[in-house]
């Protein structure tokens, strides 16, 4: 997901205090996932759901409307990202997403081949509608869904136009599994 120049400028302005933060977290022990250290004495400023400042004092970013959370006695950690998961198995995507946030996962990269294999492009749209309603950020990898053997299988397929539309969606990072690998190896022109 790309951010605009204006969004970056707003983060910078909030970091230096020209724009006031929406939220400041004080106290707490910061979990540094790179070094393994757990330092104290840091404050975190957030604007528009993004961290704009991390340092000894965020008071320069504090305004009248800024919410302050005292995290003393607690640990503060960045959200985890699940780099490849399937949330369309066994339950609807929204229901599967319910288990992520309580364990610290705030974003996932999900392959959506389950619904797409059954319903084609309509299944991908259902997937997007489901995950859009949930606070976990879901980035999608689109499967090249096509019948493994058109004579023996009734798996749904994407047209080339549908694949182009899917890849243009801002939540889509790219392509993932190809179910019909045999057709790919035979350079089948009907694959999307």
N, C-alpha and C. Protein backbone atom coordinates (compact mmCIF):
# COMPACT_ATOMS: atom_id res chain seq x y z
N UNK A 1 0.85 -1.16 0.00
CA UNK A 1 0.00 0.00 0.00
C UNK A 1 0.91 1.23 0.00
N UNK A 2 0.76 2.03 -1.02
CA UNK A 2 1.59 3.23 -1.10
C UNK A 2 0.91 4.39 -0.40
N UNK A 3 1.73 5.27 0.14
CA UNK A 3 1.22 6.48 0.78
C UNK A 3 1.56 7.67 -0.10
N UNK A 4 0.74 8.67 -0.03
CA UNK A 4 0.95 9.86 -0.84
C UNK A 4 2.01 10.75 -0.20
N UNK A 5 2.50 11.67 -1.00
CA UNK A 5 3.47 12.65 -0.50
C UNK A 5 2.86 13.44 0.66
N UNK A 6 1.58 13.80 0.53
CA UNK A 6 0.89 14.57 1.58
C UNK A 6 0.83 13.77 2.89
N UNK A 7 0.61 12.46 2.80
CA UNK A 7 0.56 11.63 4.01
C UNK A 7 1.93 11.59 4.69
N UNK A 8 2.99 11.45 3.90
CA UNK A 8 4.34 11.46 4.48
C UNK A 8 4.64 12.81 5.12
N UNK A 9 4.25 13.89 4.45
CA UNK A 9 4.50 15.22 5.00
C UNK A 9 3.74 15.43 6.31
N UNK A 10 2.53 14.90 6.40
CA UNK A 10 1.76 15.02 7.65
C UNK A 10 2.45 14.26 8.78
N UNK A 11 2.98 13.07 8.49
CA UNK A 11 3.72 12.32 9.50
C UNK A 11 4.96 13.09 9.97
N UNK A 12 5.67 13.69 9.03
CA UNK A 12 6.86 14.47 9.38
C UNK A 12 6.49 15.67 10.23
N UNK A 13 5.43 16.37 9.83
CA UNK A 13 5.00 17.56 10.59
C UNK A 13 4.56 17.18 12.01
N UNK A 14 3.93 16.02 12.13
CA UNK A 14 3.53 15.57 13.47
C UNK A 14 4.76 15.17 14.29
N UNK A 15 5.74 14.58 13.64
CA UNK A 15 6.96 14.16 14.34
C UNK A 15 7.71 15.35 14.94
N UNK A 16 7.66 16.48 14.25
CA UNK A 16 8.38 17.66 14.76
C UNK A 16 7.47 18.62 15.52
N UNK A 17 6.19 18.26 15.65
CA UNK A 17 5.27 19.03 16.47
C UNK A 17 4.49 20.11 15.76
N UNK A 18 4.67 20.27 14.44
CA UNK A 18 3.89 21.28 13.70
C UNK A 18 2.42 20.89 13.62
N UNK A 19 2.14 19.59 13.56
CA UNK A 19 0.79 19.05 13.60
C UNK A 19 0.72 18.21 14.86
N UNK A 20 -0.38 18.28 15.56
CA UNK A 20 -0.48 17.58 16.84
C UNK A 20 -0.95 16.14 16.63
N UNK A 21 -0.42 15.25 17.44
CA UNK A 21 -0.72 13.82 17.35
C UNK A 21 -2.14 13.53 17.81
N UNK A 22 -2.70 12.44 17.31
CA UNK A 22 -4.00 11.96 17.77
C UNK A 22 -3.86 11.26 19.12
N UNK A 23 -2.71 10.61 19.31
CA UNK A 23 -2.51 9.75 20.47
C UNK A 23 -1.05 9.81 20.90
N UNK A 24 -0.83 9.82 22.20
CA UNK A 24 0.52 9.68 22.75
C UNK A 24 0.47 8.59 23.81
N UNK A 25 1.40 7.63 23.70
CA UNK A 25 1.52 6.55 24.67
C UNK A 25 2.73 6.85 25.54
N UNK A 26 2.51 6.93 26.85
CA UNK A 26 3.61 7.22 27.78
C UNK A 26 3.83 6.00 28.67
N UNK A 27 5.00 5.98 29.32
CA UNK A 27 5.30 4.87 30.22
C UNK A 27 5.44 3.58 29.43
N UNK A 28 5.41 2.50 30.11
CA UNK A 28 5.49 1.21 29.44
C UNK A 28 6.91 0.82 29.07
N UNK A 29 7.07 -0.43 28.77
CA UNK A 29 8.36 -0.97 28.35
C UNK A 29 8.23 -1.30 26.86
N UNK A 30 9.10 -0.72 26.08
CA UNK A 30 9.05 -0.89 24.63
C UNK A 30 9.80 -2.15 24.22
N UNK A 31 9.14 -3.04 23.51
CA UNK A 31 9.80 -4.25 23.02
C UNK A 31 10.46 -3.92 21.69
N UNK A 32 11.79 -3.94 21.68
CA UNK A 32 12.54 -3.70 20.45
C UNK A 32 12.72 -5.05 19.75
N UNK A 33 11.95 -5.28 18.70
CA UNK A 33 11.97 -6.58 18.03
C UNK A 33 13.24 -6.80 17.22
N UNK A 34 14.04 -5.77 17.02
CA UNK A 34 15.30 -5.91 16.28
C UNK A 34 16.45 -6.31 17.20
N UNK A 35 16.56 -5.66 18.35
CA UNK A 35 17.70 -5.90 19.24
C UNK A 35 17.38 -6.85 20.39
N UNK A 36 16.09 -7.04 20.66
CA UNK A 36 15.69 -7.87 21.80
C UNK A 36 15.69 -7.11 23.11
N UNK A 37 16.06 -5.84 23.08
CA UNK A 37 16.07 -5.02 24.30
C UNK A 37 14.65 -4.61 24.67
N UNK A 38 14.47 -4.27 25.93
CA UNK A 38 13.18 -3.78 26.41
C UNK A 38 13.44 -2.50 27.20
N UNK A 39 13.71 -1.39 26.50
CA UNK A 39 14.01 -0.13 27.18
C UNK A 39 12.75 0.53 27.75
N UNK A 40 12.98 1.38 28.74
CA UNK A 40 11.90 2.18 29.31
C UNK A 40 12.21 3.65 29.06
N UNK A 41 11.24 4.52 29.34
CA UNK A 41 11.47 5.95 29.22
C UNK A 41 11.22 6.51 27.83
N UNK A 42 10.39 5.84 27.06
CA UNK A 42 10.07 6.32 25.71
C UNK A 42 8.61 6.73 25.63
N UNK A 43 8.32 7.65 24.74
CA UNK A 43 6.94 8.02 24.43
C UNK A 43 6.73 7.83 22.94
N UNK A 44 5.51 7.48 22.60
CA UNK A 44 5.16 7.20 21.20
C UNK A 44 4.03 8.12 20.80
N UNK A 45 4.19 8.83 19.69
CA UNK A 45 3.13 9.70 19.15
C UNK A 45 2.57 9.05 17.89
N UNK A 46 1.26 9.12 17.76
CA UNK A 46 0.56 8.48 16.64
C UNK A 46 -0.37 9.50 15.99
N UNK A 47 -0.38 9.52 14.67
CA UNK A 47 -1.34 10.36 13.93
C UNK A 47 -1.88 9.53 12.77
N UNK A 48 -3.19 9.56 12.62
CA UNK A 48 -3.81 8.82 11.52
C UNK A 48 -3.52 7.33 11.56
N UNK A 49 -3.35 6.78 12.76
CA UNK A 49 -3.09 5.35 12.88
C UNK A 49 -1.64 4.96 12.61
N UNK A 50 -0.75 5.94 12.43
CA UNK A 50 0.66 5.67 12.13
C UNK A 50 1.55 6.28 13.21
N UNK A 51 2.59 5.57 13.58
CA UNK A 51 3.56 6.12 14.52
C UNK A 51 4.34 7.21 13.81
N UNK A 52 4.38 8.39 14.41
CA UNK A 52 5.12 9.50 13.82
C UNK A 52 6.33 9.90 14.65
N UNK A 53 6.36 9.47 15.90
CA UNK A 53 7.48 9.84 16.77
C UNK A 53 7.67 8.77 17.83
N UNK A 54 8.94 8.46 18.11
CA UNK A 54 9.31 7.58 19.21
C UNK A 54 10.56 8.18 19.83
N UNK A 55 10.48 8.56 21.08
CA UNK A 55 11.63 9.18 21.72
C UNK A 55 11.37 9.44 23.18
N UNK A 56 12.28 10.18 23.82
CA UNK A 56 12.16 10.39 25.27
C UNK A 56 10.94 11.22 25.68
N UNK A 57 10.48 12.13 24.82
CA UNK A 57 9.31 12.94 25.17
C UNK A 57 8.57 13.33 23.90
N UNK A 58 7.27 13.07 23.88
CA UNK A 58 6.43 13.44 22.74
C UNK A 58 5.59 14.67 23.04
N UNK A 59 5.94 15.42 24.07
CA UNK A 59 5.15 16.58 24.47
C UNK A 59 5.03 17.63 23.37
N UNK A 60 6.05 17.73 22.50
CA UNK A 60 5.98 18.69 21.40
C UNK A 60 4.88 18.34 20.40
N UNK A 61 4.41 17.09 20.40
CA UNK A 61 3.34 16.64 19.50
C UNK A 61 1.99 16.61 20.19
N UNK A 62 1.92 17.04 21.44
CA UNK A 62 0.69 16.96 22.22
C UNK A 62 -0.14 18.23 22.05
N UNK A 63 -1.40 18.04 21.68
CA UNK A 63 -2.33 19.16 21.54
C UNK A 63 -3.53 18.98 22.45
N UNK A 64 -4.47 19.91 22.37
CA UNK A 64 -5.66 19.85 23.23
C UNK A 64 -6.50 18.61 22.96
N UNK A 65 -6.51 18.13 21.72
CA UNK A 65 -7.34 16.99 21.33
C UNK A 65 -6.59 15.65 21.45
N UNK A 66 -5.32 15.69 21.78
CA UNK A 66 -4.51 14.47 21.81
C UNK A 66 -4.92 13.57 22.98
N UNK A 67 -5.18 12.31 22.68
CA UNK A 67 -5.48 11.33 23.72
C UNK A 67 -4.16 10.82 24.30
N UNK A 68 -4.10 10.71 25.62
CA UNK A 68 -2.90 10.22 26.29
C UNK A 68 -3.23 8.86 26.92
N UNK A 69 -2.41 7.87 26.63
CA UNK A 69 -2.55 6.55 27.26
C UNK A 69 -1.32 6.31 28.12
N UNK A 70 -1.54 6.05 29.39
CA UNK A 70 -0.44 5.72 30.30
C UNK A 70 -0.28 4.20 30.31
N UNK A 71 0.82 3.73 29.75
CA UNK A 71 1.07 2.30 29.64
C UNK A 71 2.03 1.80 30.73
N UNK A 72 2.16 2.56 31.80
CA UNK A 72 3.06 2.16 32.89
C UNK A 72 2.70 0.75 33.36
N UNK A 73 3.73 -0.06 33.54
CA UNK A 73 3.52 -1.44 33.98
C UNK A 73 3.17 -2.39 32.85
N UNK A 74 3.07 -1.88 31.63
CA UNK A 74 2.71 -2.70 30.47
C UNK A 74 3.87 -2.75 29.47
N UNK A 75 3.78 -3.68 28.55
CA UNK A 75 4.74 -3.77 27.45
C UNK A 75 4.10 -3.17 26.20
N UNK A 76 4.90 -2.47 25.42
CA UNK A 76 4.42 -1.89 24.17
C UNK A 76 5.20 -2.56 23.04
N UNK A 77 4.47 -3.05 22.06
CA UNK A 77 5.09 -3.83 20.98
C UNK A 77 4.52 -3.40 19.64
N UNK A 78 5.33 -3.48 18.59
CA UNK A 78 4.75 -3.26 17.27
C UNK A 78 3.81 -4.41 16.93
N UNK A 79 2.87 -4.16 16.04
CA UNK A 79 1.99 -5.23 15.61
C UNK A 79 2.75 -6.24 14.77
N UNK A 80 2.36 -7.48 14.88
CA UNK A 80 2.99 -8.53 14.09
C UNK A 80 2.31 -8.64 12.73
N UNK A 81 3.06 -9.11 11.74
CA UNK A 81 2.52 -9.32 10.40
C UNK A 81 2.67 -10.80 10.07
N UNK A 82 1.57 -11.44 9.72
CA UNK A 82 1.61 -12.83 9.25
C UNK A 82 1.84 -12.76 7.75
N UNK A 83 2.98 -13.22 7.29
CA UNK A 83 3.39 -13.04 5.90
C UNK A 83 2.72 -13.94 4.88
N UNK A 84 2.06 -15.01 5.31
CA UNK A 84 1.31 -15.85 4.36
C UNK A 84 0.35 -16.72 5.16
N UNK A 85 -0.91 -16.48 4.92
CA UNK A 85 -1.92 -17.28 5.60
C UNK A 85 -3.13 -17.45 4.69
N UNK A 86 -3.96 -18.40 5.06
CA UNK A 86 -5.22 -18.64 4.36
C UNK A 86 -6.33 -18.46 5.38
N UNK A 87 -7.23 -17.53 5.13
CA UNK A 87 -8.31 -17.29 6.10
C UNK A 87 -9.67 -17.68 5.54
N UNK A 88 -9.67 -18.36 4.40
CA UNK A 88 -10.94 -18.78 3.81
C UNK A 88 -11.26 -20.24 4.05
N UNK A 89 -10.40 -20.96 4.77
CA UNK A 89 -10.65 -22.36 5.09
C UNK A 89 -11.56 -22.47 6.31
N UNK A 90 -12.46 -23.41 6.31
CA UNK A 90 -13.25 -23.82 7.47
C UNK A 90 -14.27 -22.81 7.99
N UNK A 91 -14.08 -21.55 7.72
CA UNK A 91 -15.02 -20.52 8.17
C UNK A 91 -14.89 -19.32 7.25
N UNK A 92 -15.80 -18.39 7.39
CA UNK A 92 -15.72 -17.17 6.57
C UNK A 92 -14.48 -16.38 6.98
N UNK A 93 -13.90 -15.61 6.04
CA UNK A 93 -12.69 -14.84 6.36
C UNK A 93 -12.84 -13.95 7.59
N UNK A 94 -13.97 -13.27 7.73
CA UNK A 94 -14.17 -12.38 8.88
C UNK A 94 -14.04 -13.15 10.18
N UNK A 95 -14.64 -14.32 10.24
CA UNK A 95 -14.60 -15.13 11.47
C UNK A 95 -13.17 -15.59 11.77
N UNK A 96 -12.44 -15.99 10.75
CA UNK A 96 -11.05 -16.41 10.97
C UNK A 96 -10.18 -15.25 11.45
N UNK A 97 -10.48 -14.04 11.00
CA UNK A 97 -9.69 -12.87 11.41
C UNK A 97 -9.83 -12.56 12.90
N UNK A 98 -10.90 -13.05 13.52
CA UNK A 98 -11.15 -12.75 14.93
C UNK A 98 -10.00 -13.22 15.84
N UNK A 99 -9.24 -14.22 15.41
CA UNK A 99 -8.19 -14.78 16.26
C UNK A 99 -6.86 -14.04 16.15
N UNK A 100 -6.72 -13.11 15.23
CA UNK A 100 -5.42 -12.48 15.00
C UNK A 100 -5.10 -11.36 16.01
N UNK A 101 -5.98 -10.37 16.14
CA UNK A 101 -5.69 -9.22 17.00
C UNK A 101 -5.38 -9.58 18.46
N UNK A 102 -6.13 -10.49 19.08
CA UNK A 102 -5.83 -10.80 20.48
C UNK A 102 -4.41 -11.33 20.71
N UNK A 103 -3.77 -11.80 19.65
CA UNK A 103 -2.42 -12.34 19.77
C UNK A 103 -1.37 -11.40 19.20
N UNK A 104 -1.76 -10.15 18.90
CA UNK A 104 -0.80 -9.14 18.47
C UNK A 104 -0.57 -9.02 16.98
N UNK A 105 -1.28 -9.80 16.18
CA UNK A 105 -1.13 -9.70 14.73
C UNK A 105 -2.07 -8.62 14.22
N UNK A 106 -1.49 -7.59 13.62
CA UNK A 106 -2.29 -6.45 13.16
C UNK A 106 -2.41 -6.39 11.64
N UNK A 107 -1.62 -7.20 10.94
CA UNK A 107 -1.69 -7.23 9.48
C UNK A 107 -1.36 -8.64 9.00
N UNK A 108 -2.01 -9.02 7.91
CA UNK A 108 -1.72 -10.33 7.31
C UNK A 108 -1.62 -10.19 5.80
N UNK A 109 -0.91 -11.13 5.23
CA UNK A 109 -0.88 -11.28 3.77
C UNK A 109 -1.60 -12.59 3.50
N UNK A 110 -2.77 -12.50 2.87
CA UNK A 110 -3.63 -13.66 2.72
C UNK A 110 -3.80 -14.07 1.27
N UNK A 111 -3.68 -15.35 1.05
CA UNK A 111 -4.05 -15.92 -0.23
C UNK A 111 -5.54 -16.20 -0.16
N UNK A 112 -6.25 -15.85 -1.20
CA UNK A 112 -7.71 -15.99 -1.15
C UNK A 112 -8.20 -17.04 -2.15
N UNK A 113 -7.41 -18.06 -2.37
CA UNK A 113 -7.77 -19.04 -3.39
C UNK A 113 -8.97 -19.89 -3.04
N UNK A 114 -9.32 -20.01 -1.76
CA UNK A 114 -10.44 -20.88 -1.40
C UNK A 114 -11.75 -20.40 -2.03
N UNK A 115 -12.11 -19.15 -1.78
CA UNK A 115 -13.36 -18.62 -2.35
C UNK A 115 -13.26 -18.43 -3.85
N UNK A 116 -12.08 -18.04 -4.33
CA UNK A 116 -11.90 -17.81 -5.76
C UNK A 116 -11.98 -19.12 -6.54
N UNK A 117 -11.50 -20.21 -5.97
CA UNK A 117 -11.55 -21.50 -6.65
C UNK A 117 -12.99 -21.96 -6.84
N UNK A 118 -13.84 -21.65 -5.89
CA UNK A 118 -15.24 -22.08 -5.97
C UNK A 118 -16.09 -21.10 -6.77
N UNK A 119 -15.90 -19.80 -6.53
CA UNK A 119 -16.80 -18.80 -7.11
C UNK A 119 -16.15 -17.90 -8.17
N UNK A 120 -14.88 -18.11 -8.46
CA UNK A 120 -14.21 -17.26 -9.44
C UNK A 120 -14.01 -15.84 -8.91
N UNK A 121 -14.09 -14.87 -9.80
CA UNK A 121 -13.85 -13.47 -9.43
C UNK A 121 -14.87 -12.99 -8.40
N UNK A 122 -16.08 -13.49 -8.47
CA UNK A 122 -17.11 -13.14 -7.48
C UNK A 122 -16.66 -13.57 -6.08
N UNK A 123 -15.98 -14.70 -5.97
CA UNK A 123 -15.45 -15.16 -4.69
C UNK A 123 -14.38 -14.23 -4.13
N UNK A 124 -13.55 -13.69 -5.02
CA UNK A 124 -12.54 -12.72 -4.60
C UNK A 124 -13.20 -11.46 -4.06
N UNK A 125 -14.27 -11.03 -4.72
CA UNK A 125 -14.99 -9.84 -4.25
C UNK A 125 -15.65 -10.08 -2.89
N UNK A 126 -16.19 -11.28 -2.69
CA UNK A 126 -16.77 -11.64 -1.39
C UNK A 126 -15.67 -11.60 -0.32
N UNK A 127 -14.51 -12.13 -0.65
CA UNK A 127 -13.36 -12.11 0.26
C UNK A 127 -13.04 -10.68 0.66
N UNK A 128 -12.92 -9.78 -0.32
CA UNK A 128 -12.61 -8.38 -0.05
C UNK A 128 -13.67 -7.73 0.84
N UNK A 129 -14.95 -8.01 0.56
CA UNK A 129 -16.03 -7.44 1.38
C UNK A 129 -15.92 -7.91 2.83
N UNK A 130 -15.59 -9.18 3.01
CA UNK A 130 -15.46 -9.74 4.36
C UNK A 130 -14.33 -9.07 5.13
N UNK A 131 -13.15 -8.98 4.53
CA UNK A 131 -11.98 -8.49 5.26
C UNK A 131 -12.00 -6.98 5.44
N UNK A 132 -12.72 -6.28 4.58
CA UNK A 132 -12.82 -4.82 4.67
C UNK A 132 -13.48 -4.39 5.98
N UNK A 133 -14.34 -5.23 6.53
CA UNK A 133 -15.08 -4.91 7.75
C UNK A 133 -14.27 -5.14 9.02
N UNK A 134 -13.08 -5.71 8.91
CA UNK A 134 -12.32 -6.10 10.09
C UNK A 134 -11.13 -5.16 10.32
N UNK A 135 -10.77 -4.87 11.59
CA UNK A 135 -9.66 -3.95 11.85
C UNK A 135 -8.28 -4.49 11.50
N UNK A 136 -8.11 -5.80 11.34
CA UNK A 136 -6.82 -6.33 10.89
C UNK A 136 -6.60 -5.87 9.45
N UNK A 137 -5.39 -5.36 9.16
CA UNK A 137 -5.08 -4.98 7.77
C UNK A 137 -4.82 -6.25 6.98
N UNK A 138 -5.55 -6.40 5.90
CA UNK A 138 -5.41 -7.60 5.07
C UNK A 138 -4.89 -7.19 3.70
N UNK A 139 -3.70 -7.70 3.38
CA UNK A 139 -3.13 -7.53 2.05
C UNK A 139 -3.35 -8.85 1.33
N UNK A 140 -3.73 -8.78 0.07
CA UNK A 140 -4.15 -9.97 -0.65
C UNK A 140 -3.11 -10.39 -1.68
N UNK A 141 -2.94 -11.69 -1.80
CA UNK A 141 -2.22 -12.29 -2.91
C UNK A 141 -3.25 -13.06 -3.71
N UNK A 142 -3.33 -12.76 -4.99
CA UNK A 142 -4.35 -13.36 -5.84
C UNK A 142 -3.79 -14.63 -6.47
N UNK A 143 -4.53 -15.72 -6.34
CA UNK A 143 -4.14 -16.97 -6.98
C UNK A 143 -4.58 -16.97 -8.43
N UNK A 144 -3.75 -17.54 -9.27
CA UNK A 144 -4.16 -17.69 -10.67
C UNK A 144 -5.06 -18.92 -10.73
N UNK A 145 -6.32 -18.70 -10.45
CA UNK A 145 -7.28 -19.78 -10.37
C UNK A 145 -7.71 -20.17 -11.78
N UNK A 146 -7.49 -21.41 -12.13
CA UNK A 146 -7.92 -21.95 -13.42
C UNK A 146 -8.01 -23.47 -13.26
N UNK A 147 -8.85 -24.07 -14.05
CA UNK A 147 -9.04 -25.52 -13.96
C UNK A 147 -7.73 -26.25 -14.26
N UNK A 148 -7.41 -27.23 -13.43
CA UNK A 148 -6.22 -28.05 -13.68
C UNK A 148 -6.40 -28.81 -14.98
N UNK A 149 -7.55 -29.41 -15.16
CA UNK A 149 -7.89 -30.10 -16.41
C UNK A 149 -9.33 -29.72 -16.73
N UNK A 150 -9.54 -28.88 -17.74
CA UNK A 150 -10.89 -28.40 -18.03
C UNK A 150 -11.92 -29.50 -18.28
N UNK A 151 -11.47 -30.69 -18.68
CA UNK A 151 -12.40 -31.79 -18.93
C UNK A 151 -12.83 -32.50 -17.66
N UNK A 152 -12.02 -32.44 -16.62
CA UNK A 152 -12.28 -33.23 -15.41
C UNK A 152 -12.56 -32.40 -14.17
N UNK A 153 -12.53 -31.10 -14.29
CA UNK A 153 -12.61 -30.26 -13.10
C UNK A 153 -13.57 -29.10 -13.34
N UNK A 154 -14.32 -28.71 -12.32
CA UNK A 154 -15.23 -27.58 -12.47
C UNK A 154 -14.79 -26.39 -11.62
N UNK A 155 -13.50 -26.28 -11.33
CA UNK A 155 -12.97 -25.14 -10.60
C UNK A 155 -13.26 -23.86 -11.37
N UNK A 156 -13.66 -22.82 -10.66
CA UNK A 156 -13.91 -21.53 -11.32
C UNK A 156 -12.60 -20.94 -11.81
N UNK A 157 -12.70 -20.04 -12.77
CA UNK A 157 -11.52 -19.40 -13.35
C UNK A 157 -11.70 -17.89 -13.39
N UNK A 158 -10.59 -17.17 -13.49
CA UNK A 158 -10.61 -15.73 -13.75
C UNK A 158 -10.37 -15.52 -15.23
N UNK A 159 -11.01 -14.50 -15.77
CA UNK A 159 -10.65 -14.07 -17.12
C UNK A 159 -9.42 -13.18 -17.01
N UNK A 160 -8.81 -12.88 -18.13
CA UNK A 160 -7.66 -11.97 -18.10
C UNK A 160 -8.08 -10.59 -17.60
N UNK A 161 -9.28 -10.14 -18.00
CA UNK A 161 -9.78 -8.83 -17.54
C UNK A 161 -9.99 -8.83 -16.03
N UNK A 162 -10.52 -9.93 -15.49
CA UNK A 162 -10.73 -10.03 -14.04
C UNK A 162 -9.40 -10.04 -13.29
N UNK A 163 -8.42 -10.76 -13.83
CA UNK A 163 -7.10 -10.79 -13.19
C UNK A 163 -6.47 -9.40 -13.20
N UNK A 164 -6.62 -8.68 -14.31
CA UNK A 164 -6.10 -7.31 -14.40
C UNK A 164 -6.77 -6.42 -13.37
N UNK A 165 -8.10 -6.55 -13.24
CA UNK A 165 -8.83 -5.75 -12.25
C UNK A 165 -8.40 -6.10 -10.83
N UNK A 166 -8.22 -7.38 -10.57
CA UNK A 166 -7.81 -7.82 -9.23
C UNK A 166 -6.43 -7.26 -8.88
N UNK A 167 -5.51 -7.32 -9.81
CA UNK A 167 -4.14 -6.86 -9.54
C UNK A 167 -4.07 -5.34 -9.39
N UNK A 168 -5.07 -4.63 -9.89
CA UNK A 168 -5.10 -3.16 -9.76
C UNK A 168 -5.64 -2.71 -8.40
N UNK A 169 -6.25 -3.62 -7.64
CA UNK A 169 -6.79 -3.25 -6.33
C UNK A 169 -5.65 -2.87 -5.39
N UNK A 170 -5.80 -1.77 -4.63
CA UNK A 170 -4.72 -1.33 -3.75
C UNK A 170 -4.36 -2.31 -2.63
N UNK A 171 -5.26 -3.23 -2.29
CA UNK A 171 -4.93 -4.19 -1.23
C UNK A 171 -4.17 -5.40 -1.76
N UNK A 172 -4.04 -5.50 -3.06
CA UNK A 172 -3.39 -6.67 -3.67
C UNK A 172 -1.90 -6.39 -3.84
N UNK A 173 -1.08 -7.28 -3.28
CA UNK A 173 0.37 -7.14 -3.38
C UNK A 173 0.93 -7.84 -4.61
N UNK A 174 0.18 -8.81 -5.14
CA UNK A 174 0.67 -9.55 -6.31
C UNK A 174 -0.03 -10.88 -6.43
N UNK A 175 0.65 -11.79 -7.10
CA UNK A 175 0.08 -13.12 -7.32
C UNK A 175 0.79 -14.14 -6.44
N UNK A 176 0.10 -15.25 -6.23
CA UNK A 176 0.65 -16.32 -5.39
C UNK A 176 0.44 -17.64 -6.10
N UNK A 177 -0.01 -18.66 -5.43
CA UNK A 177 -0.11 -19.99 -6.00
C UNK A 177 -0.84 -20.03 -7.34
N UNK A 178 -0.38 -20.92 -8.17
CA UNK A 178 -1.13 -21.24 -9.39
C UNK A 178 -1.60 -22.68 -9.23
N UNK A 179 -2.90 -22.84 -9.24
CA UNK A 179 -3.49 -24.15 -9.03
C UNK A 179 -3.28 -25.03 -10.27
N UNK A 180 -3.34 -24.44 -11.43
CA UNK A 180 -3.27 -25.19 -12.68
C UNK A 180 -1.86 -25.20 -13.25
N UNK A 181 -0.92 -25.69 -12.49
CA UNK A 181 0.48 -25.67 -12.89
C UNK A 181 0.75 -26.47 -14.15
N UNK A 182 0.01 -27.55 -14.38
CA UNK A 182 0.21 -28.36 -15.58
C UNK A 182 -0.10 -27.55 -16.84
N UNK A 183 -1.19 -26.78 -16.78
CA UNK A 183 -1.54 -25.93 -17.93
C UNK A 183 -0.50 -24.84 -18.14
N UNK A 184 0.05 -24.33 -17.04
CA UNK A 184 1.11 -23.32 -17.15
C UNK A 184 2.33 -23.90 -17.86
N UNK A 185 2.72 -25.12 -17.48
CA UNK A 185 3.87 -25.76 -18.10
C UNK A 185 3.66 -26.02 -19.59
N UNK A 186 2.40 -26.21 -19.98
CA UNK A 186 2.08 -26.43 -21.40
C UNK A 186 1.78 -25.12 -22.13
N UNK A 187 2.05 -23.98 -21.47
CA UNK A 187 1.86 -22.64 -22.07
C UNK A 187 0.45 -22.46 -22.62
N UNK A 188 -0.54 -22.88 -21.86
CA UNK A 188 -1.94 -22.77 -22.26
C UNK A 188 -2.33 -21.30 -22.41
N UNK A 189 -2.73 -20.91 -23.61
CA UNK A 189 -3.09 -19.52 -23.90
C UNK A 189 -4.35 -19.07 -23.18
N UNK A 190 -5.17 -20.00 -22.69
CA UNK A 190 -6.41 -19.62 -22.02
C UNK A 190 -6.21 -19.27 -20.55
N UNK A 191 -5.01 -19.49 -20.02
CA UNK A 191 -4.77 -19.09 -18.63
C UNK A 191 -4.81 -17.57 -18.54
N UNK A 192 -5.35 -17.04 -17.44
CA UNK A 192 -5.40 -15.57 -17.32
C UNK A 192 -4.02 -14.96 -17.22
